[in-house]
């Protein structure tokens, strides 16, 4: 019986697997990277390669995250201790928060 590490080595995907694990763990740094206000209105959904996928609950939050992309990436990568993400894709959430004000 072969070890899992041997199988991954033979497939040449050990590096990709390791980076995927690191990227998954790095998602917990989101609130520290963007701050409490933006983290309450957005969340990382995952990643595709080195692209961080994020959903936001309001169009203004989408714009703010996009405008701060370079700083957020730098902070996320600094907290992770290595360059894991090179791009952020922000999309508006399918379920925005309910309106609080009465019309």
PDB file of N, CA and C in Angstrom:
ATOM      1  N   UNK A   1       0.840  -1.174   0.000  1.00  0.00           N
ATOM      2  CA  UNK A   1       0.000   0.000   0.000  1.00  0.00           C
ATOM      3  C   UNK A   1       0.887   1.239   0.000  1.00  0.00           C
ATOM      4  N   UNK A   2       0.556   2.226  -0.845  1.00  0.00           N
ATOM      5  CA  UNK A   2       1.355   3.442  -0.966  1.00  0.00           C
ATOM      6  C   UNK A   2       0.887   4.520   0.005  1.00  0.00           C
ATOM      7  N   UNK A   3       1.824   5.340   0.430  1.00  0.00           N
ATOM      8  CA  UNK A   3       1.496   6.474   1.283  1.00  0.00           C
ATOM      9  C   UNK A   3       0.843   7.560   0.433  1.00  0.00           C
ATOM     10  N   UNK A   4      -0.014   8.351   1.062  1.00  0.00           N
ATOM     11  CA  UNK A   4      -0.673   9.449   0.362  1.00  0.00           C
ATOM     12  C   UNK A   4       0.365  10.425  -0.189  1.00  0.00           C
ATOM     13  N   UNK A   5       1.410  10.716   0.585  1.00  0.00           N
ATOM     14  CA  UNK A   5       2.466  11.629   0.132  1.00  0.00           C
ATOM     15  C   UNK A   5       3.137  11.111  -1.127  1.00  0.00           C
ATOM     16  N   UNK A   6       3.342   9.789  -1.210  1.00  0.00           N
ATOM     17  CA  UNK A   6       3.945   9.203  -2.401  1.00  0.00           C
ATOM     18  C   UNK A   6       3.037   9.356  -3.621  1.00  0.00           C
ATOM     19  N   UNK A   7       1.757   9.183  -3.409  1.00  0.00           N
ATOM     20  CA  UNK A   7       0.795   9.338  -4.500  1.00  0.00           C
ATOM     21  C   UNK A   7       0.778  10.780  -4.986  1.00  0.00           C
ATOM     22  N   UNK A   8       0.753  11.734  -4.036  1.00  0.00           N
ATOM     23  CA  UNK A   8       0.758  13.142  -4.420  1.00  0.00           C
ATOM     24  C   UNK A   8       2.040  13.514  -5.151  1.00  0.00           C
ATOM     25  N   UNK A   9       3.162  13.002  -4.684  1.00  0.00           N
ATOM     26  CA  UNK A   9       4.433  13.254  -5.366  1.00  0.00           C
ATOM     27  C   UNK A   9       4.400  12.741  -6.791  1.00  0.00           C
ATOM     28  N   UNK A  10       3.864  11.549  -6.977  1.00  0.00           N
ATOM     29  CA  UNK A  10       3.825  10.975  -8.317  1.00  0.00           C
ATOM     30  C   UNK A  10       2.913  11.774  -9.238  1.00  0.00           C
ATOM     31  N   UNK A  11       1.931  12.446  -8.678  1.00  0.00           N
ATOM     32  CA  UNK A  11       1.025  13.268  -9.465  1.00  0.00           C
ATOM     33  C   UNK A  11       1.581  14.674  -9.675  1.00  0.00           C
ATOM     34  N   UNK A  12       2.614  15.049  -8.932  1.00  0.00           N
ATOM     35  CA  UNK A  12       3.189  16.382  -9.061  1.00  0.00           C
ATOM     36  C   UNK A  12       2.310  17.461  -8.474  1.00  0.00           C
ATOM     37  N   UNK A  13       1.400  17.096  -7.578  1.00  0.00           N
ATOM     38  CA  UNK A  13       0.471  18.082  -7.042  1.00  0.00           C
ATOM     39  C   UNK A  13       0.710  18.396  -5.575  1.00  0.00           C
ATOM     40  N   UNK A  14       1.768  17.923  -5.000  1.00  0.00           N
ATOM     41  CA  UNK A  14       2.000  18.170  -3.579  1.00  0.00           C
ATOM     42  C   UNK A  14       2.114  19.666  -3.287  1.00  0.00           C
ATOM     43  N   UNK A  15       2.811  20.398  -4.163  1.00  0.00           N
ATOM     44  CA  UNK A  15       2.951  21.832  -3.963  1.00  0.00           C
ATOM     45  C   UNK A  15       1.601  22.519  -4.045  1.00  0.00           C
ATOM     46  N   UNK A  16       0.799  22.177  -5.047  1.00  0.00           N
ATOM     47  CA  UNK A  16      -0.526  22.764  -5.184  1.00  0.00           C
ATOM     48  C   UNK A  16      -1.395  22.417  -3.986  1.00  0.00           C
ATOM     49  N   UNK A  17      -1.304  21.198  -3.506  1.00  0.00           N
ATOM     50  CA  UNK A  17      -2.075  20.773  -2.349  1.00  0.00           C
ATOM     51  C   UNK A  17      -1.665  21.579  -1.123  1.00  0.00           C
ATOM     52  N   UNK A  18      -0.357  21.731  -0.906  1.00  0.00           N
ATOM     53  CA  UNK A  18       0.145  22.483   0.243  1.00  0.00           C
ATOM     54  C   UNK A  18      -0.297  23.936   0.195  1.00  0.00           C
ATOM     55  N   UNK A  19      -0.217  24.556  -0.991  1.00  0.00           N
ATOM     56  CA  UNK A  19      -0.657  25.937  -1.134  1.00  0.00           C
ATOM     57  C   UNK A  19      -2.153  26.059  -0.880  1.00  0.00           C
ATOM     58  N   UNK A  20      -2.922  25.081  -1.322  1.00  0.00           N
ATOM     59  CA  UNK A  20      -4.359  25.099  -1.079  1.00  0.00           C
ATOM     60  C   UNK A  20      -4.685  25.039   0.395  1.00  0.00           C
ATOM     61  N   UNK A  21      -3.958  24.225   1.131  1.00  0.00           N
ATOM     62  CA  UNK A  21      -4.161  24.130   2.576  1.00  0.00           C
ATOM     63  C   UNK A  21      -3.811  25.464   3.237  1.00  0.00           C
ATOM     64  N   UNK A  22      -2.685  26.049   2.844  1.00  0.00           N
ATOM     65  CA  UNK A  22      -2.278  27.332   3.404  1.00  0.00           C
ATOM     66  C   UNK A  22      -3.290  28.431   3.083  1.00  0.00           C
ATOM     67  N   UNK A  23      -3.791  28.444   1.851  1.00  0.00           N
ATOM     68  CA  UNK A  23      -4.791  29.448   1.471  1.00  0.00           C
ATOM     69  C   UNK A  23      -6.082  29.274   2.269  1.00  0.00           C
ATOM     70  N   UNK A  24      -6.484  28.026   2.482  1.00  0.00           N
ATOM     71  CA  UNK A  24      -7.690  27.772   3.285  1.00  0.00           C
ATOM     72  C   UNK A  24      -7.529  28.295   4.700  1.00  0.00           C
ATOM     73  N   UNK A  25      -6.374  28.052   5.284  1.00  0.00           N
ATOM     74  CA  UNK A  25      -6.116  28.523   6.645  1.00  0.00           C
ATOM     75  C   UNK A  25      -6.023  30.043   6.704  1.00  0.00           C
ATOM     76  N   UNK A  26      -5.541  30.673   5.643  1.00  0.00           N
ATOM     77  CA  UNK A  26      -5.354  32.123   5.624  1.00  0.00           C
ATOM     78  C   UNK A  26      -6.672  32.889   5.563  1.00  0.00           C
ATOM     79  N   UNK A  27      -7.757  32.236   5.204  1.00  0.00           N
ATOM     80  CA  UNK A  27      -9.046  32.927   5.136  1.00  0.00           C
ATOM     81  C   UNK A  27      -9.468  33.503   6.481  1.00  0.00           C
ATOM     82  N   UNK A  28      -8.964  32.937   7.571  1.00  0.00           N
ATOM     83  CA  UNK A  28      -9.322  33.443   8.902  1.00  0.00           C
ATOM     84  C   UNK A  28      -8.720  34.825   9.164  1.00  0.00           C
ATOM     85  N   UNK A  29      -7.762  35.255   8.331  1.00  0.00           N
ATOM     86  CA  UNK A  29      -7.140  36.563   8.501  1.00  0.00           C
ATOM     87  C   UNK A  29      -7.970  37.693   7.904  1.00  0.00           C
ATOM     88  N   UNK A  30      -9.086  37.379   7.272  1.00  0.00           N
ATOM     89  CA  UNK A  30      -9.879  38.377   6.564  1.00  0.00           C
ATOM     90  C   UNK A  30     -10.242  39.563   7.451  1.00  0.00           C
ATOM     91  N   UNK A  31     -10.806  39.320   8.615  1.00  0.00           N
ATOM     92  CA  UNK A  31     -11.247  40.429   9.464  1.00  0.00           C
ATOM     93  C   UNK A  31     -10.071  41.289   9.922  1.00  0.00           C
ATOM     94  N   UNK A  32      -8.916  40.685  10.156  1.00  0.00           N
ATOM     95  CA  UNK A  32      -7.737  41.460  10.540  1.00  0.00           C
ATOM     96  C   UNK A  32      -7.216  42.278   9.361  1.00  0.00           C
ATOM     97  N   UNK A  33      -7.376  41.772   8.151  1.00  0.00           N
ATOM     98  CA  UNK A  33      -6.864  42.458   6.964  1.00  0.00           C
ATOM     99  C   UNK A  33      -7.733  43.641   6.550  1.00  0.00           C
ATOM    100  N   UNK A  34      -9.049  43.529   6.730  1.00  0.00           N
ATOM    101  CA  UNK A  34      -9.947  44.589   6.251  1.00  0.00           C
ATOM    102  C   UNK A  34     -10.520  45.449   7.366  1.00  0.00           C
ATOM    103  N   UNK A  35     -10.433  45.006   8.597  1.00  0.00           N
ATOM    104  CA  UNK A  35     -11.003  45.756   9.713  1.00  0.00           C
ATOM    105  C   UNK A  35     -12.406  45.283  10.031  1.00  0.00           C
ATOM    106  N   UNK A  36     -12.851  45.631  11.219  1.00  0.00           N
ATOM    107  CA  UNK A  36     -14.126  45.093  11.708  1.00  0.00           C
ATOM    108  C   UNK A  36     -15.335  45.572  10.913  1.00  0.00           C
ATOM    109  N   UNK A  37     -15.360  46.829  10.486  1.00  0.00           N
ATOM    110  CA  UNK A  37     -16.523  47.349   9.769  1.00  0.00           C
ATOM    111  C   UNK A  37     -16.717  46.626   8.436  1.00  0.00           C
ATOM    112  N   UNK A  38     -15.665  46.529   7.652  1.00  0.00           N
ATOM    113  CA  UNK A  38     -15.782  45.846   6.353  1.00  0.00           C
ATOM    114  C   UNK A  38     -15.968  44.342   6.514  1.00  0.00           C
ATOM    115  N   UNK A  39     -15.388  43.763   7.547  1.00  0.00           N
ATOM    116  CA  UNK A  39     -15.529  42.313   7.717  1.00  0.00           C
ATOM    117  C   UNK A  39     -16.951  41.928   8.117  1.00  0.00           C
ATOM    118  N   UNK A  40     -17.687  42.857   8.733  1.00  0.00           N
ATOM    119  CA  UNK A  40     -19.087  42.577   9.076  1.00  0.00           C
ATOM    120  C   UNK A  40     -19.969  42.557   7.832  1.00  0.00           C
ATOM    121  N   UNK A  41     -19.515  43.234   6.777  1.00  0.00           N
ATOM    122  CA  UNK A  41     -20.314  43.348   5.555  1.00  0.00           C
ATOM    123  C   UNK A  41     -19.759  42.529   4.387  1.00  0.00           C
ATOM    124  N   UNK A  42     -18.744  41.721   4.657  1.00  0.00           N
ATOM    125  CA  UNK A  42     -18.148  40.919   3.588  1.00  0.00           C
ATOM    126  C   UNK A  42     -17.551  39.648   4.174  1.00  0.00           C
ATOM    127  N   UNK A  43     -17.283  38.703   3.292  1.00  0.00           N
ATOM    128  CA  UNK A  43     -16.644  37.472   3.746  1.00  0.00           C
ATOM    129  C   UNK A  43     -15.957  36.780   2.577  1.00  0.00           C
ATOM    130  N   UNK A  44     -14.823  36.145   2.860  1.00  0.00           N
ATOM    131  CA  UNK A  44     -14.171  35.377   1.805  1.00  0.00           C
ATOM    132  C   UNK A  44     -14.926  34.073   1.596  1.00  0.00           C
ATOM    133  N   UNK A  45     -15.170  33.744   0.340  1.00  0.00           N
ATOM    134  CA  UNK A  45     -15.902  32.511   0.016  1.00  0.00           C
ATOM    135  C   UNK A  45     -14.978  31.363  -0.328  1.00  0.00           C
ATOM    136  N   UNK A  46     -13.728  31.693  -0.610  1.00  0.00           N
ATOM    137  CA  UNK A  46     -12.774  30.679  -1.014  1.00  0.00           C
ATOM    138  C   UNK A  46     -11.755  31.284  -1.947  1.00  0.00           C
ATOM    139  N   UNK A  47     -11.184  30.461  -2.788  1.00  0.00           N
ATOM    140  CA  UNK A  47     -10.154  30.922  -3.702  1.00  0.00           C
ATOM    141  C   UNK A  47     -10.107  30.027  -4.924  1.00  0.00           C
ATOM    142  N   UNK A  48      -9.597  30.600  -6.001  1.00  0.00           N
ATOM    143  CA  UNK A  48      -9.316  29.851  -7.233  1.00  0.00           C
ATOM    144  C   UNK A  48      -7.880  30.170  -7.574  1.00  0.00           C
ATOM    145  N   UNK A  49      -6.998  29.214  -7.327  1.00  0.00           N
ATOM    146  CA  UNK A  49      -5.579  29.477  -7.500  1.00  0.00           C
ATOM    147  C   UNK A  49      -5.139  30.555  -6.526  1.00  0.00           C
ATOM    148  N   UNK A  50      -4.530  31.619  -7.033  1.00  0.00           N
ATOM    149  CA  UNK A  50      -4.080  32.697  -6.150  1.00  0.00           C
ATOM    150  C   UNK A  50      -5.057  33.872  -6.111  1.00  0.00           C
ATOM    151  N   UNK A  51      -6.302  33.631  -6.539  1.00  0.00           N
ATOM    152  CA  UNK A  51      -7.345  34.650  -6.513  1.00  0.00           C
ATOM    153  C   UNK A  51      -8.292  34.404  -5.340  1.00  0.00           C
ATOM    154  N   UNK A  52      -8.426  35.390  -4.480  1.00  0.00           N
ATOM    155  CA  UNK A  52      -9.320  35.315  -3.327  1.00  0.00           C
ATOM    156  C   UNK A  52     -10.713  35.732  -3.765  1.00  0.00           C
ATOM    157  N   UNK A  53     -11.699  34.893  -3.514  1.00  0.00           N
ATOM    158  CA  UNK A  53     -13.084  35.162  -3.885  1.00  0.00           C
ATOM    159  C   UNK A  53     -13.826  35.694  -2.661  1.00  0.00           C
ATOM    160  N   UNK A  54     -14.449  36.877  -2.805  1.00  0.00           N
ATOM    161  CA  UNK A  54     -15.100  37.545  -1.679  1.00  0.00           C
ATOM    162  C   UNK A  54     -16.507  37.958  -2.084  1.00  0.00           C
ATOM    163  N   UNK A  55     -17.454  37.847  -1.142  1.00  0.00           N
ATOM    164  CA  UNK A  55     -18.798  38.370  -1.374  1.00  0.00           C
ATOM    165  C   UNK A  55     -19.035  39.513  -0.395  1.00  0.00           C
ATOM    166  N   UNK A  56     -19.735  40.528  -0.880  1.00  0.00           N
ATOM    167  CA  UNK A  56     -20.050  41.705  -0.062  1.00  0.00           C
ATOM    168  C   UNK A  56     -21.560  41.902  -0.059  1.00  0.00           C
ATOM    169  N   UNK A  57     -22.065  42.458   1.030  1.00  0.00           N
ATOM    170  CA  UNK A  57     -23.513  42.590   1.200  1.00  0.00           C
ATOM    171  C   UNK A  57     -24.088  43.909   0.685  1.00  0.00           C
ATOM    172  N   UNK A  58     -23.223  44.799   0.191  1.00  0.00           N
ATOM    173  CA  UNK A  58     -23.699  46.096  -0.287  1.00  0.00           C
ATOM    174  C   UNK A  58     -22.777  46.563  -1.407  1.00  0.00           C
ATOM    175  N   UNK A  59     -23.331  47.228  -2.431  1.00  0.00           N
ATOM    176  CA  UNK A  59     -22.494  47.709  -3.532  1.00  0.00           C
ATOM    177  C   UNK A  59     -21.363  48.641  -3.083  1.00  0.00           C
ATOM    178  N   UNK A  60     -21.618  49.457  -2.080  1.00  0.00           N
ATOM    179  CA  UNK A  60     -20.575  50.362  -1.591  1.00  0.00           C
ATOM    180  C   UNK A  60     -19.416  49.588  -0.970  1.00  0.00           C
ATOM    181  N   UNK A  61     -19.718  48.478  -0.325  1.00  0.00           N
ATOM    182  CA  UNK A  61     -18.672  47.633   0.255  1.00  0.00           C
ATOM    183  C   UNK A  61     -17.854  46.987  -0.863  1.00  0.00           C
ATOM    184  N   UNK A  62     -18.514  46.573  -1.935  1.00  0.00           N
ATOM    185  CA  UNK A  62     -17.800  46.022  -3.098  1.00  0.00           C
ATOM    186  C   UNK A  62     -16.796  47.039  -3.625  1.00  0.00           C
ATOM    187  N   UNK A  63     -17.244  48.274  -3.801  1.00  0.00           N
ATOM    188  CA  UNK A  63     -16.358  49.319  -4.327  1.00  0.00           C
ATOM    189  C   UNK A  63     -15.200  49.592  -3.374  1.00  0.00           C
ATOM    190  N   UNK A  64     -15.490  49.635  -2.092  1.00  0.00           N
ATOM    191  CA  UNK A  64     -14.445  49.909  -1.101  1.00  0.00           C
ATOM    192  C   UNK A  64     -13.393  48.806  -1.092  1.00  0.00           C
ATOM    193  N   UNK A  65     -13.832  47.567  -1.130  1.00  0.00           N
ATOM    194  CA  UNK A  65     -12.888  46.448  -1.149  1.00  0.00           C
ATOM    195  C   UNK A  65     -12.045  46.462  -2.417  1.00  0.00           C
ATOM    196  N   UNK A  66     -12.674  46.758  -3.538  1.00  0.00           N
ATOM    197  CA  UNK A  66     -11.930  46.819  -4.800  1.00  0.00           C
ATOM    198  C   UNK A  66     -10.889  47.934  -4.779  1.00  0.00           C
ATOM    199  N   UNK A  67     -11.264  49.069  -4.186  1.00  0.00           N
ATOM    200  CA  UNK A  67     -10.319  50.188  -4.145  1.00  0.00           C
ATOM    201  C   UNK A  67      -9.153  49.928  -3.199  1.00  0.00           C
ATOM    202  N   UNK A  68      -9.351  49.060  -2.221  1.00  0.00           N
ATOM    203  CA  UNK A  68      -8.302  48.734  -1.247  1.00  0.00           C
ATOM    204  C   UNK A  68      -7.604  47.402  -1.538  1.00  0.00           C
ATOM    205  N   UNK A  69      -7.808  46.870  -2.716  1.00  0.00           N
ATOM    206  CA  UNK A  69      -7.312  45.525  -3.041  1.00  0.00           C
ATOM    207  C   UNK A  69      -5.822  45.347  -2.743  1.00  0.00           C
ATOM    208  N   UNK A  70      -4.982  46.267  -3.197  1.00  0.00           N
ATOM    209  CA  UNK A  70      -3.541  46.102  -3.000  1.00  0.00           C
ATOM    210  C   UNK A  70      -3.177  46.031  -1.518  1.00  0.00           C
ATOM    211  N   UNK A  71      -3.751  46.924  -0.717  1.00  0.00           N
ATOM    212  CA  UNK A  71      -3.465  46.925   0.717  1.00  0.00           C
ATOM    213  C   UNK A  71      -3.974  45.679   1.421  1.00  0.00           C
ATOM    214  N   UNK A  72      -5.155  45.228   1.021  1.00  0.00           N
ATOM    215  CA  UNK A  72      -5.731  44.018   1.623  1.00  0.00           C
ATOM    216  C   UNK A  72      -4.872  42.802   1.273  1.00  0.00           C
ATOM    217  N   UNK A  73      -4.463  42.713   0.010  1.00  0.00           N
ATOM    218  CA  UNK A  73      -3.604  41.602  -0.404  1.00  0.00           C
ATOM    219  C   UNK A  73      -2.295  41.605   0.369  1.00  0.00           C
ATOM    220  N   UNK A  74      -1.703  42.780   0.500  1.00  0.00           N
ATOM    221  CA  UNK A  74      -0.443  42.878   1.235  1.00  0.00           C
ATOM    222  C   UNK A  74      -0.630  42.433   2.684  1.00  0.00           C
ATOM    223  N   UNK A  75      -1.716  42.859   3.315  1.00  0.00           N
ATOM    224  CA  UNK A  75      -1.981  42.493   4.717  1.00  0.00           C
ATOM    225  C   UNK A  75      -2.258  41.000   4.852  1.00  0.00           C
ATOM    226  N   UNK A  76      -3.073  40.438   3.951  1.00  0.00           N
ATOM    227  CA  UNK A  76      -3.377  39.000   3.998  1.00  0.00           C
ATOM    228  C   UNK A  76      -2.106  38.174   3.850  1.00  0.00           C
ATOM    229  N   UNK A  77      -1.278  38.541   2.889  1.00  0.00           N
ATOM    230  CA  UNK A  77      -0.039  37.800   2.647  1.00  0.00           C
ATOM    231  C   UNK A  77       0.955  37.971   3.786  1.00  0.00           C
ATOM    232  N   UNK A  78       1.002  39.163   4.379  1.00  0.00           N
ATOM    233  CA  UNK A  78       1.883  39.392   5.531  1.00  0.00           C
ATOM    234  C   UNK A  78       1.451  38.526   6.707  1.00  0.00           C
ATOM    235  N   UNK A  79       0.152  38.500   6.971  1.00  0.00           N
ATOM    236  CA  UNK A  79      -0.358  37.683   8.079  1.00  0.00           C
ATOM    237  C   UNK A  79      -0.114  36.194   7.827  1.00  0.00           C
ATOM    238  N   UNK A  80      -0.181  35.783   6.572  1.00  0.00           N
ATOM    239  CA  UNK A  80       0.049  34.374   6.232  1.00  0.00           C
ATOM    240  C   UNK A  80       1.530  34.019   6.243  1.00  0.00           C
ATOM    241  N   UNK A  81       2.391  35.027   6.133  1.00  0.00           N
ATOM    242  CA  UNK A  81       3.828  34.776   6.133  1.00  0.00           C
ATOM    243  C   UNK A  81       4.391  34.389   4.778  1.00  0.00           C
ATOM    244  N   UNK A  82       3.571  34.428   3.749  1.00  0.00           N
ATOM    245  CA  UNK A  82       4.007  34.113   2.385  1.00  0.00           C
ATOM    246  C   UNK A  82       2.985  34.677   1.402  1.00  0.00           C
ATOM    247  N   UNK A  83       3.366  34.795   0.158  1.00  0.00           N
ATOM    248  CA  UNK A  83       2.444  35.311  -0.863  1.00  0.00           C
ATOM    249  C   UNK A  83       1.518  34.180  -1.307  1.00  0.00           C
ATOM    250  N   UNK A  84       0.283  34.264  -0.853  1.00  0.00           N
ATOM    251  CA  UNK A  84      -0.715  33.250  -1.206  1.00  0.00           C
ATOM    252  C   UNK A  84      -1.727  33.784  -2.206  1.00  0.00           C
ATOM    253  N   UNK A  85      -2.017  35.082  -2.112  1.00  0.00           N
ATOM    254  CA  UNK A  85      -3.039  35.693  -2.969  1.00  0.00           C
ATOM    255  C   UNK A  85      -2.428  36.837  -3.763  1.00  0.00           C
ATOM    256  N   UNK A  86      -2.813  36.932  -5.030  1.00  0.00           N
ATOM    257  CA  UNK A  86      -2.314  38.004  -5.894  1.00  0.00           C
ATOM    258  C   UNK A  86      -3.450  38.858  -6.464  1.00  0.00           C
ATOM    259  N   UNK A  87      -4.681  38.436  -6.218  1.00  0.00           N
ATOM    260  CA  UNK A  87      -5.838  39.136  -6.776  1.00  0.00           C
ATOM    261  C   UNK A  87      -7.049  38.874  -5.896  1.00  0.00           C
ATOM    262  N   UNK A  88      -7.975  39.830  -5.864  1.00  0.00           N
ATOM    263  CA  UNK A  88      -9.243  39.653  -5.151  1.00  0.00           C
ATOM    264  C   UNK A  88     -10.377  39.917  -6.134  1.00  0.00           C
ATOM    265  N   UNK A  89     -11.335  39.020  -6.158  1.00  0.00           N
ATOM    266  CA  UNK A  89     -12.551  39.211  -6.947  1.00  0.00           C
ATOM    267  C   UNK A  89     -13.692  39.388  -5.949  1.00  0.00           C
ATOM    268  N   UNK A  90     -14.355  40.540  -6.025  1.00  0.00           N
ATOM    269  CA  UNK A  90     -15.451  40.861  -5.108  1.00  0.00           C
ATOM    270  C   UNK A  90     -16.755  40.856  -5.874  1.00  0.00           C
ATOM    271  N   UNK A  91     -17.727  40.143  -5.340  1.00  0.00           N
ATOM    272  CA  UNK A  91     -19.051  40.094  -5.953  1.00  0.00           C
ATOM    273  C   UNK A  91     -20.096  40.444  -4.908  1.00  0.00           C
ATOM    274  N   UNK A  92     -21.181  41.029  -5.374  1.00  0.00           N
ATOM    275  CA  UNK A  92     -22.288  41.360  -4.497  1.00  0.00           C
ATOM    276  C   UNK A  92     -22.997  40.082  -4.070  1.00  0.00           C
ATOM    277  N   UNK A  93     -23.254  39.968  -2.787  1.00  0.00           N
ATOM    278  CA  UNK A  93     -23.918  38.789  -2.236  1.00  0.00           C
ATOM    279  C   UNK A  93     -25.325  38.656  -2.806  1.00  0.00           C
ATOM    280  N   UNK A  94     -25.774  37.429  -2.948  1.00  0.00           N
ATOM    281  CA  UNK A  94     -27.139  37.178  -3.408  1.00  0.00           C
ATOM    282  C   UNK A  94     -28.167  37.555  -2.353  1.00  0.00           C
ATOM    283  N   UNK A  95     -27.737  37.651  -1.101  1.00  0.00           N
ATOM    284  CA  UNK A  95     -28.641  37.938   0.002  1.00  0.00           C
ATOM    285  C   UNK A  95     -28.160  39.155   0.774  1.00  0.00           C
ATOM    286  N   UNK A  96     -28.433  40.366   0.253  1.00  0.00           N
ATOM    287  CA  UNK A  96     -28.013  41.562   0.984  1.00  0.00           C
ATOM    288  C   UNK A  96     -28.786  41.683   2.296  1.00  0.00           C
ATOM    289  N   UNK A  97     -28.266  42.442   3.245  1.00  0.00           N
ATOM    290  CA  UNK A  97     -28.963  42.573   4.534  1.00  0.00           C
ATOM    291  C   UNK A  97     -30.300  43.291   4.342  1.00  0.00           C
ATOM    292  N   UNK A  98     -31.201  43.044   5.278  1.00  0.00           N
ATOM    293  CA  UNK A  98     -32.492  43.712   5.226  1.00  0.00           C
ATOM    294  C   UNK A  98     -32.301  45.186   5.523  1.00  0.00           C
ATOM    295  N   UNK A  99     -33.177  45.999   4.953  1.00  0.00           N
ATOM    296  CA  UNK A  99     -33.122  47.431   5.223  1.00  0.00           C
ATOM    297  C   UNK A  99     -33.549  47.676   6.659  1.00  0.00           C
ATOM    298  N   UNK A 100     -32.818  48.531   7.327  1.00  0.00           N
ATOM    299  CA  UNK A 100     -33.118  48.823   8.723  1.00  0.00           C
ATOM    300  C   UNK A 100     -34.058  49.993   8.888  1.00  0.00           C
ATOM    301  N   UNK A 101     -34.029  50.918   7.929  1.00  0.00           N
ATOM    302  CA  UNK A 101     -34.878  52.096   8.072  1.00  0.00           C
ATOM    303  C   UNK A 101     -36.281  51.793   7.557  1.00  0.00           C
ATOM    304  N   UNK A 102     -37.235  52.500   8.091  1.00  0.00           N
ATOM    305  CA  UNK A 102     -38.622  52.340   7.671  1.00  0.00           C
ATOM    306  C   UNK A 102     -38.918  53.381   6.582  1.00  0.00           C
ATOM    307  N   UNK A 103     -39.671  52.965   5.586  1.00  0.00           N
ATOM    308  CA  UNK A 103     -40.012  53.880   4.491  1.00  0.00           C
ATOM    309  C   UNK A 103     -41.434  54.336   4.643  1.00  0.00           C
TER     310      UNK A 103
END
